[in-house]
Amino acid sequence: MIGEASFYGLYVPWLMVLAGAALLALWGVRRLLAATGLYRWVWHPALFDMALYLLLLYGLSRLTAPPQ
């Protein structure tokens, strides 16, 4: 996915926009997991958070990718 987005004249890579959206989604999922008590079953929280972030970023990039 090649491209950029313009925010008030500042061009940022599209992947950076997706990374920010994935970070916001990660915060929401973490709060949901903590509120339901499922987060306490995670053995290594930092590793789990990183894997979840990468999965969210991959999912967002696949959703916004042009059809092949």
C-alpha atoms as a PDB file:
ATOM      1  CA  MET A   1       0.000   0.000   0.000  1.00  0.00           C
ATOM      2  CA  ILE A   2       1.711   3.129  -1.234  1.00  0.00           C
ATOM      3  CA  GLY A   3       0.323   6.553  -0.560  1.00  0.00           C
ATOM      4  CA  GLU A   4       0.048   9.344   1.877  1.00  0.00           C
ATOM      5  CA  ALA A   5      -2.621  11.351   3.594  1.00  0.00           C
ATOM      6  CA  SER A   6      -2.613  15.115   3.966  1.00  0.00           C
ATOM      7  CA  PHE A   7      -3.473  16.655   7.334  1.00  0.00           C
ATOM      8  CA  TYR A   8      -3.508  20.453   7.078  1.00  0.00           C
ATOM      9  CA  GLY A   9      -0.746  20.375   4.472  1.00  0.00           C
ATOM     10  CA  LEU A  10       1.387  17.816   6.300  1.00  0.00           C
ATOM     11  CA  TYR A  11       1.821  14.605   4.331  1.00  0.00           C
ATOM     12  CA  VAL A  12       2.073  11.444   6.415  1.00  0.00           C
ATOM     13  CA  PRO A  13       2.444   7.884   5.151  1.00  0.00           C
ATOM     14  CA  TRP A  14      -0.800   5.928   4.996  1.00  0.00           C
ATOM     15  CA  LEU A  15       0.767   3.207   7.138  1.00  0.00           C
ATOM     16  CA  MET A  16       1.277   5.763   9.921  1.00  0.00           C
ATOM     17  CA  VAL A  17      -2.429   6.627   9.797  1.00  0.00           C
ATOM     18  CA  LEU A  18      -3.278   2.926  10.042  1.00  0.00           C
ATOM     19  CA  ALA A  19      -0.791   2.474  12.894  1.00  0.00           C
ATOM     20  CA  GLY A  20      -2.510   5.243  14.841  1.00  0.00           C
ATOM     21  CA  ALA A  21      -5.920   3.697  14.218  1.00  0.00           C
ATOM     22  CA  ALA A  22      -4.602   0.301  15.334  1.00  0.00           C
ATOM     23  CA  LEU A  23      -3.223   1.897  18.500  1.00  0.00           C
ATOM     24  CA  LEU A  24      -6.606   3.425  19.306  1.00  0.00           C
ATOM     25  CA  ALA A  25      -8.278   0.066  18.681  1.00  0.00           C
ATOM     26  CA  LEU A  26      -5.702  -1.636  20.915  1.00  0.00           C
ATOM     27  CA  TRP A  27      -6.486   0.726  23.789  1.00  0.00           C
ATOM     28  CA  GLY A  28     -10.169  -0.078  23.440  1.00  0.00           C
ATOM     29  CA  VAL A  29      -9.612  -3.834  23.294  1.00  0.00           C
ATOM     30  CA  ARG A  30      -7.299  -3.716  26.319  1.00  0.00           C
ATOM     31  CA  ARG A  31      -9.903  -1.818  28.334  1.00  0.00           C
ATOM     32  CA  LEU A  32     -12.549  -4.331  27.294  1.00  0.00           C
ATOM     33  CA  LEU A  33     -10.336  -7.286  28.240  1.00  0.00           C
ATOM     34  CA  ALA A  34      -9.483  -5.710  31.594  1.00  0.00           C
ATOM     35  CA  ALA A  35     -13.124  -4.894  32.344  1.00  0.00           C
ATOM     36  CA  THR A  36     -14.273  -8.446  31.608  1.00  0.00           C
ATOM     37  CA  GLY A  37     -11.427 -10.014  33.586  1.00  0.00           C
ATOM     38  CA  LEU A  38      -9.995 -11.888  30.609  1.00  0.00           C
ATOM     39  CA  TYR A  39      -6.756  -9.919  30.695  1.00  0.00           C
ATOM     40  CA  ARG A  40      -5.674 -11.603  33.938  1.00  0.00           C
ATOM     41  CA  TRP A  41      -5.424 -14.935  32.092  1.00  0.00           C
ATOM     42  CA  VAL A  42      -2.695 -13.546  29.827  1.00  0.00           C
ATOM     43  CA  TRP A  43       0.699 -14.987  30.727  1.00  0.00           C
ATOM     44  CA  HIS A  44       2.892 -12.230  29.252  1.00  0.00           C
ATOM     45  CA  PRO A  45       0.910  -8.980  28.884  1.00  0.00           C
ATOM     46  CA  ALA A  46       3.536  -7.052  26.905  1.00  0.00           C
ATOM     47  CA  LEU A  47       3.949  -9.850  24.374  1.00  0.00           C
ATOM     48  CA  PHE A  48       0.178 -10.258  24.124  1.00  0.00           C
ATOM     49  CA  ASP A  49      -0.285  -6.521  23.547  1.00  0.00           C
ATOM     50  CA  MET A  50       2.348  -6.478  20.808  1.00  0.00           C
ATOM     51  CA  ALA A  51       0.800  -9.464  19.043  1.00  0.00           C
ATOM     52  CA  LEU A  52      -2.675  -7.960  19.339  1.00  0.00           C
ATOM     53  CA  TYR A  53      -1.421  -4.644  17.946  1.00  0.00           C
ATOM     54  CA  LEU A  54       0.162  -6.369  14.960  1.00  0.00           C
ATOM     55  CA  LEU A  55      -3.014  -8.349  14.301  1.00  0.00           C
ATOM     56  CA  LEU A  56      -5.100  -5.179  14.431  1.00  0.00           C
ATOM     57  CA  LEU A  57      -2.678  -3.360  12.126  1.00  0.00           C
ATOM     58  CA  TYR A  58      -2.736  -6.255   9.670  1.00  0.00           C
ATOM     59  CA  GLY A  59      -6.530  -6.372   9.755  1.00  0.00           C
ATOM     60  CA  LEU A  60      -6.850  -2.643   9.143  1.00  0.00           C
ATOM     61  CA  SER A  61      -4.361  -2.743   6.293  1.00  0.00           C
ATOM     62  CA  ARG A  62      -6.252  -5.619   4.666  1.00  0.00           C
ATOM     63  CA  LEU A  63      -9.567  -3.793   5.060  1.00  0.00           C
ATOM     64  CA  THR A  64      -8.279  -0.606   3.445  1.00  0.00           C
ATOM     65  CA  ALA A  65      -6.202  -2.251   0.711  1.00  0.00           C
ATOM     66  CA  PRO A  66      -7.459  -1.923  -2.851  1.00  0.00           C
ATOM     67  CA  PRO A  67      -8.909  -5.128  -4.328  1.00  0.00           C
ATOM     68  CA  GLN A  68      -6.452  -7.289  -6.220  1.00  0.00           C
END
